[in-house]
Structures are given as C-alpha cells and as structure tokens.
C-alpha cells in the first residue's frame, strides 16, 4: 500500500504489518476532514472493510 501526504510518501508492507494496520489506519481513513485519493478503489474498499473494519470517508476515486 502506498500512502502520501503533501510532504511525504510511504510504502507499507501490508503482509508483514497486517496485525498493526487496522488500529493505525482506521482513524485516518474515517476522518472526513482528510481527503483520500485512490485509483480503482472498489476492491480496496471491500478488503479494508472485510479484513480490518475500516470504512473510508471523503474518498475521491480517480478510476471512477
């Protein structure tokens, strides 16, 4: 997974960090004050909800 801010870019090894992903990303993805930009997010949204209970607010999908 790649995550970028205005000043930094991160690459996350989701397999290695699987048990840590949910708690740390849940707050970020549910925050409506932060715009999330994804491309073709259909499968990613299903995966985040199913595997981590993460629901994404304020999403712009460039693939739609």
PDB file of N, CA and C in Angstrom:
ATOM      1  N   UNK A   1       0.848  -1.143   0.000  1.00  0.00           N
ATOM      2  CA  UNK A   1       0.000   0.000   0.000  1.00  0.00           C
ATOM      3  C   UNK A   1       0.909   1.224   0.000  1.00  0.00           C
ATOM      4  N   UNK A   2       0.526   2.232  -0.790  1.00  0.00           N
ATOM      5  CA  UNK A   2       1.256   3.494  -0.794  1.00  0.00           C
ATOM      6  C   UNK A   2       0.367   4.569  -0.194  1.00  0.00           C
ATOM      7  N   UNK A   3       0.947   5.362   0.667  1.00  0.00           N
ATOM      8  CA  UNK A   3       0.235   6.468   1.305  1.00  0.00           C
ATOM      9  C   UNK A   3       1.095   7.709   1.140  1.00  0.00           C
ATOM     10  N   UNK A   4       0.465   8.810   0.736  1.00  0.00           N
ATOM     11  CA  UNK A   4       1.197  10.066   0.575  1.00  0.00           C
ATOM     12  C   UNK A   4       0.490  11.189   1.309  1.00  0.00           C
ATOM     13  N   UNK A   5       1.293  12.092   1.837  1.00  0.00           N
ATOM     14  CA  UNK A   5       0.787  13.345   2.383  1.00  0.00           C
ATOM     15  C   UNK A   5       1.292  14.436   1.448  1.00  0.00           C
ATOM     16  N   UNK A   6       1.076  15.670   1.798  1.00  0.00           N
ATOM     17  CA  UNK A   6       1.594  16.758   0.956  1.00  0.00           C
ATOM     18  C   UNK A   6       3.121  16.793   0.955  1.00  0.00           C
ATOM     19  N   UNK A   7       3.729  16.235   1.989  1.00  0.00           N
ATOM     20  CA  UNK A   7       5.185  16.348   2.118  1.00  0.00           C
ATOM     21  C   UNK A   7       5.938  15.025   2.136  1.00  0.00           C
ATOM     22  N   UNK A   8       5.218  13.899   2.313  1.00  0.00           N
ATOM     23  CA  UNK A   8       5.908  12.618   2.439  1.00  0.00           C
ATOM     24  C   UNK A   8       5.165  11.511   1.699  1.00  0.00           C
ATOM     25  N   UNK A   9       5.914  10.498   1.302  1.00  0.00           N
ATOM     26  CA  UNK A   9       5.357   9.297   0.683  1.00  0.00           C
ATOM     27  C   UNK A   9       5.806   8.086   1.488  1.00  0.00           C
ATOM     28  N   UNK A  10       4.896   7.107   1.637  1.00  0.00           N
ATOM     29  CA  UNK A  10       5.189   5.897   2.399  1.00  0.00           C
ATOM     30  C   UNK A  10       4.764   4.676   1.603  1.00  0.00           C
ATOM     31  N   UNK A  11       5.522   3.609   1.720  1.00  0.00           N
ATOM     32  CA  UNK A  11       5.143   2.313   1.174  1.00  0.00           C
ATOM     33  C   UNK A  11       5.011   1.376   2.365  1.00  0.00           C
ATOM     34  N   UNK A  12       3.841   0.742   2.505  1.00  0.00           N
ATOM     35  CA  UNK A  12       3.547  -0.105   3.658  1.00  0.00           C
ATOM     36  C   UNK A  12       3.492  -1.559   3.215  1.00  0.00           C
ATOM     37  N   UNK A  13       4.257  -2.415   3.845  1.00  0.00           N
ATOM     38  CA  UNK A  13       4.208  -3.858   3.595  1.00  0.00           C
ATOM     39  C   UNK A  13       3.015  -4.411   4.377  1.00  0.00           C
ATOM     40  N   UNK A  14       1.873  -4.515   3.718  1.00  0.00           N
ATOM     41  CA  UNK A  14       0.637  -4.909   4.403  1.00  0.00           C
ATOM     42  C   UNK A  14       0.655  -6.352   4.884  1.00  0.00           C
ATOM     43  N   UNK A  15       1.421  -7.203   4.256  1.00  0.00           N
ATOM     44  CA  UNK A  15       1.502  -8.592   4.718  1.00  0.00           C
ATOM     45  C   UNK A  15       2.303  -8.682   6.016  1.00  0.00           C
ATOM     46  N   UNK A  16       3.412  -7.991   6.060  1.00  0.00           N
ATOM     47  CA  UNK A  16       4.259  -8.035   7.250  1.00  0.00           C
ATOM     48  C   UNK A  16       3.614  -7.316   8.439  1.00  0.00           C
ATOM     49  N   UNK A  17       2.888  -6.250   8.166  1.00  0.00           N
ATOM     50  CA  UNK A  17       2.317  -5.419   9.230  1.00  0.00           C
ATOM     51  C   UNK A  17       0.822  -5.636   9.433  1.00  0.00           C
ATOM     52  N   UNK A  18       0.314  -6.728   8.922  1.00  0.00           N
ATOM     53  CA  UNK A  18      -1.128  -6.994   8.931  1.00  0.00           C
ATOM     54  C   UNK A  18      -1.800  -6.753  10.285  1.00  0.00           C
ATOM     55  N   UNK A  19      -1.213  -7.231  11.376  1.00  0.00           N
ATOM     56  CA  UNK A  19      -1.866  -7.102  12.682  1.00  0.00           C
ATOM     57  C   UNK A  19      -1.851  -5.664  13.204  1.00  0.00           C
ATOM     58  N   UNK A  20      -1.032  -4.803  12.615  1.00  0.00           N
ATOM     59  CA  UNK A  20      -0.927  -3.418  13.073  1.00  0.00           C
ATOM     60  C   UNK A  20      -1.714  -2.435  12.209  1.00  0.00           C
ATOM     61  N   UNK A  21      -2.139  -2.866  11.031  1.00  0.00           N
ATOM     62  CA  UNK A  21      -2.752  -1.953  10.069  1.00  0.00           C
ATOM     63  C   UNK A  21      -4.071  -1.368  10.561  1.00  0.00           C
ATOM     64  N   UNK A  22      -4.985  -2.217  10.987  1.00  0.00           N
ATOM     65  CA  UNK A  22      -6.321  -1.764  11.362  1.00  0.00           C
ATOM     66  C   UNK A  22      -6.335  -0.619  12.347  1.00  0.00           C
ATOM     67  N   UNK A  23      -5.753  -0.798  13.523  1.00  0.00           N
ATOM     68  CA  UNK A  23      -5.811   0.270  14.523  1.00  0.00           C
ATOM     69  C   UNK A  23      -5.188   1.590  14.062  1.00  0.00           C
ATOM     70  N   UNK A  24      -4.114   1.521  13.306  1.00  0.00           N
ATOM     71  CA  UNK A  24      -3.421   2.745  12.922  1.00  0.00           C
ATOM     72  C   UNK A  24      -4.065   3.452  11.736  1.00  0.00           C
ATOM     73  N   UNK A  25      -4.622   2.699  10.812  1.00  0.00           N
ATOM     74  CA  UNK A  25      -5.225   3.332   9.639  1.00  0.00           C
ATOM     75  C   UNK A  25      -6.699   3.660   9.823  1.00  0.00           C
ATOM     76  N   UNK A  26      -7.363   3.015  10.755  1.00  0.00           N
ATOM     77  CA  UNK A  26      -8.805   3.233  10.958  1.00  0.00           C
ATOM     78  C   UNK A  26      -9.110   4.712  11.200  1.00  0.00           C
ATOM     79  N   UNK A  27      -8.366   5.339  12.095  1.00  0.00           N
ATOM     80  CA  UNK A  27      -8.607   6.755  12.416  1.00  0.00           C
ATOM     81  C   UNK A  27      -8.381   7.645  11.198  1.00  0.00           C
ATOM     82  N   UNK A  28      -7.329   7.373  10.451  1.00  0.00           N
ATOM     83  CA  UNK A  28      -7.026   8.164   9.260  1.00  0.00           C
ATOM     84  C   UNK A  28      -8.124   8.044   8.210  1.00  0.00           C
ATOM     85  N   UNK A  29      -8.526   6.823   7.884  1.00  0.00           N
ATOM     86  CA  UNK A  29      -9.495   6.607   6.814  1.00  0.00           C
ATOM     87  C   UNK A  29     -10.902   7.071   7.173  1.00  0.00           C
ATOM     88  N   UNK A  30     -11.255   7.098   8.446  1.00  0.00           N
ATOM     89  CA  UNK A  30     -12.608   7.530   8.810  1.00  0.00           C
ATOM     90  C   UNK A  30     -12.707   9.041   9.025  1.00  0.00           C
ATOM     91  N   UNK A  31     -11.590   9.739   9.023  1.00  0.00           N
ATOM     92  CA  UNK A  31     -11.573  11.185   9.256  1.00  0.00           C
ATOM     93  C   UNK A  31     -12.085  11.932   8.019  1.00  0.00           C
ATOM     94  N   UNK A  32     -13.277  12.553   8.102  1.00  0.00           N
ATOM     95  CA  UNK A  32     -13.835  13.235   6.935  1.00  0.00           C
ATOM     96  C   UNK A  32     -13.099  14.529   6.581  1.00  0.00           C
ATOM     97  N   UNK A  33     -12.255  15.037   7.462  1.00  0.00           N
ATOM     98  CA  UNK A  33     -11.522  16.272   7.163  1.00  0.00           C
ATOM     99  C   UNK A  33     -10.301  16.018   6.283  1.00  0.00           C
ATOM    100  N   UNK A  34      -9.953  14.758   6.083  1.00  0.00           N
ATOM    101  CA  UNK A  34      -8.810  14.409   5.232  1.00  0.00           C
ATOM    102  C   UNK A  34      -9.320  13.725   3.966  1.00  0.00           C
ATOM    103  N   UNK A  35      -8.951  14.275   2.815  1.00  0.00           N
ATOM    104  CA  UNK A  35      -9.360  13.711   1.530  1.00  0.00           C
ATOM    105  C   UNK A  35      -8.494  12.502   1.231  1.00  0.00           C
ATOM    106  N   UNK A  36      -9.128  11.383   0.876  1.00  0.00           N
ATOM    107  CA  UNK A  36      -8.412  10.185   0.461  1.00  0.00           C
ATOM    108  C   UNK A  36      -8.574  10.055  -1.046  1.00  0.00           C
ATOM    109  N   UNK A  37      -7.467   9.909  -1.764  1.00  0.00           N
ATOM    110  CA  UNK A  37      -7.491   9.761  -3.214  1.00  0.00           C
ATOM    111  C   UNK A  37      -6.957   8.377  -3.534  1.00  0.00           C
ATOM    112  N   UNK A  38      -7.782   7.586  -4.225  1.00  0.00           N
ATOM    113  CA  UNK A  38      -7.390   6.234  -4.613  1.00  0.00           C
ATOM    114  C   UNK A  38      -7.741   6.049  -6.079  1.00  0.00           C
ATOM    115  N   UNK A  39      -7.151   5.071  -6.702  1.00  0.00           N
ATOM    116  CA  UNK A  39      -7.466   4.765  -8.097  1.00  0.00           C
ATOM    117  C   UNK A  39      -8.034   3.356  -8.169  1.00  0.00           C
ATOM    118  N   UNK A  40      -9.257   3.234  -8.679  1.00  0.00           N
ATOM    119  CA  UNK A  40      -9.896   1.921  -8.783  1.00  0.00           C
ATOM    120  C   UNK A  40     -10.043   1.277  -7.420  1.00  0.00           C
ATOM    121  N   UNK A  41     -10.646   1.994  -6.494  1.00  0.00           N
ATOM    122  CA  UNK A  41     -10.677   1.587  -5.087  1.00  0.00           C
ATOM    123  C   UNK A  41     -11.710   0.519  -4.752  1.00  0.00           C
ATOM    124  N   UNK A  42     -12.488   0.053  -5.717  1.00  0.00           N
ATOM    125  CA  UNK A  42     -13.574  -0.898  -5.432  1.00  0.00           C
ATOM    126  C   UNK A  42     -13.109  -2.072  -4.576  1.00  0.00           C
ATOM    127  N   UNK A  43     -12.082  -2.754  -5.012  1.00  0.00           N
ATOM    128  CA  UNK A  43     -11.585  -3.936  -4.284  1.00  0.00           C
ATOM    129  C   UNK A  43     -10.890  -3.537  -2.982  1.00  0.00           C
ATOM    130  N   UNK A  44     -10.187  -2.415  -3.004  1.00  0.00           N
ATOM    131  CA  UNK A  44      -9.502  -1.950  -1.792  1.00  0.00           C
ATOM    132  C   UNK A  44     -10.502  -1.651  -0.682  1.00  0.00           C
ATOM    133  N   UNK A  45     -11.626  -1.049  -1.040  1.00  0.00           N
ATOM    134  CA  UNK A  45     -12.654  -0.718  -0.051  1.00  0.00           C
ATOM    135  C   UNK A  45     -13.218  -1.996   0.565  1.00  0.00           C
ATOM    136  N   UNK A  46     -13.500  -2.983  -0.260  1.00  0.00           N
ATOM    137  CA  UNK A  46     -14.017  -4.267   0.242  1.00  0.00           C
ATOM    138  C   UNK A  46     -13.000  -4.906   1.183  1.00  0.00           C
ATOM    139  N   UNK A  47     -11.738  -4.919   0.778  1.00  0.00           N
ATOM    140  CA  UNK A  47     -10.666  -5.509   1.586  1.00  0.00           C
ATOM    141  C   UNK A  47     -10.514  -4.790   2.923  1.00  0.00           C
ATOM    142  N   UNK A  48     -10.499  -3.464   2.903  1.00  0.00           N
ATOM    143  CA  UNK A  48     -10.354  -2.700   4.144  1.00  0.00           C
ATOM    144  C   UNK A  48     -11.519  -2.949   5.099  1.00  0.00           C
ATOM    145  N   UNK A  49     -12.735  -2.995   4.554  1.00  0.00           N
ATOM    146  CA  UNK A  49     -13.914  -3.233   5.399  1.00  0.00           C
ATOM    147  C   UNK A  49     -13.930  -4.658   5.936  1.00  0.00           C
ATOM    148  N   UNK A  50     -13.714  -5.623   5.072  1.00  0.00           N
ATOM    149  CA  UNK A  50     -13.793  -7.031   5.465  1.00  0.00           C
ATOM    150  C   UNK A  50     -12.683  -7.437   6.426  1.00  0.00           C
ATOM    151  N   UNK A  51     -11.464  -7.079   6.109  1.00  0.00           N
ATOM    152  CA  UNK A  51     -10.318  -7.559   6.879  1.00  0.00           C
ATOM    153  C   UNK A  51      -9.971  -6.715   8.099  1.00  0.00           C
ATOM    154  N   UNK A  52     -10.320  -5.432   8.060  1.00  0.00           N
ATOM    155  CA  UNK A  52      -9.879  -4.547   9.129  1.00  0.00           C
ATOM    156  C   UNK A  52     -10.985  -3.712   9.760  1.00  0.00           C
ATOM    157  N   UNK A  53     -12.210  -3.804   9.247  1.00  0.00           N
ATOM    158  CA  UNK A  53     -13.293  -2.990   9.790  1.00  0.00           C
ATOM    159  C   UNK A  53     -13.058  -1.506   9.563  1.00  0.00           C
ATOM    160  N   UNK A  54     -12.367  -1.181   8.472  1.00  0.00           N
ATOM    161  CA  UNK A  54     -12.060   0.212   8.154  1.00  0.00           C
ATOM    162  C   UNK A  54     -13.044   0.705   7.100  1.00  0.00           C
ATOM    163  N   UNK A  55     -13.706   1.811   7.410  1.00  0.00           N
ATOM    164  CA  UNK A  55     -14.637   2.433   6.478  1.00  0.00           C
ATOM    165  C   UNK A  55     -14.055   3.779   6.067  1.00  0.00           C
ATOM    166  N   UNK A  56     -14.034   4.026   4.769  1.00  0.00           N
ATOM    167  CA  UNK A  56     -13.361   5.196   4.226  1.00  0.00           C
ATOM    168  C   UNK A  56     -14.357   6.336   4.024  1.00  0.00           C
ATOM    169  N   UNK A  57     -14.038   7.501   4.582  1.00  0.00           N
ATOM    170  CA  UNK A  57     -14.841   8.714   4.411  1.00  0.00           C
ATOM    171  C   UNK A  57     -14.063   9.707   3.556  1.00  0.00           C
ATOM    172  N   UNK A  58     -14.798  10.474   2.760  1.00  0.00           N
ATOM    173  CA  UNK A  58     -14.217  11.530   1.931  1.00  0.00           C
ATOM    174  C   UNK A  58     -13.215  10.958   0.929  1.00  0.00           C
ATOM    175  N   UNK A  59     -13.689  10.019   0.129  1.00  0.00           N
ATOM    176  CA  UNK A  59     -12.851   9.347  -0.869  1.00  0.00           C
ATOM    177  C   UNK A  59     -13.103   9.913  -2.258  1.00  0.00           C
ATOM    178  N   UNK A  60     -12.030  10.191  -2.982  1.00  0.00           N
ATOM    179  CA  UNK A  60     -12.106  10.531  -4.399  1.00  0.00           C
ATOM    180  C   UNK A  60     -11.411   9.409  -5.148  1.00  0.00           C
ATOM    181  N   UNK A  61     -12.157   8.711  -6.003  1.00  0.00           N
ATOM    182  CA  UNK A  61     -11.610   7.583  -6.764  1.00  0.00           C
ATOM    183  C   UNK A  61     -11.349   8.041  -8.189  1.00  0.00           C
ATOM    184  N   UNK A  62     -10.073   8.129  -8.572  1.00  0.00           N
ATOM    185  CA  UNK A  62      -9.706   8.594  -9.908  1.00  0.00           C
ATOM    186  C   UNK A  62     -10.041   7.579 -10.993  1.00  0.00           C
ATOM    187  N   UNK A  63     -10.391   6.365 -10.598  1.00  0.00           N
ATOM    188  CA  UNK A  63     -10.721   5.324 -11.569  1.00  0.00           C
ATOM    189  C   UNK A  63     -12.203   5.226 -11.875  1.00  0.00           C
ATOM    190  N   UNK A  64     -13.017   6.074 -11.281  1.00  0.00           N
ATOM    191  CA  UNK A  64     -14.472   6.016 -11.493  1.00  0.00           C
ATOM    192  C   UNK A  64     -14.933   7.143 -12.372  1.00  0.00           C
TER     193      UNK A  64
END
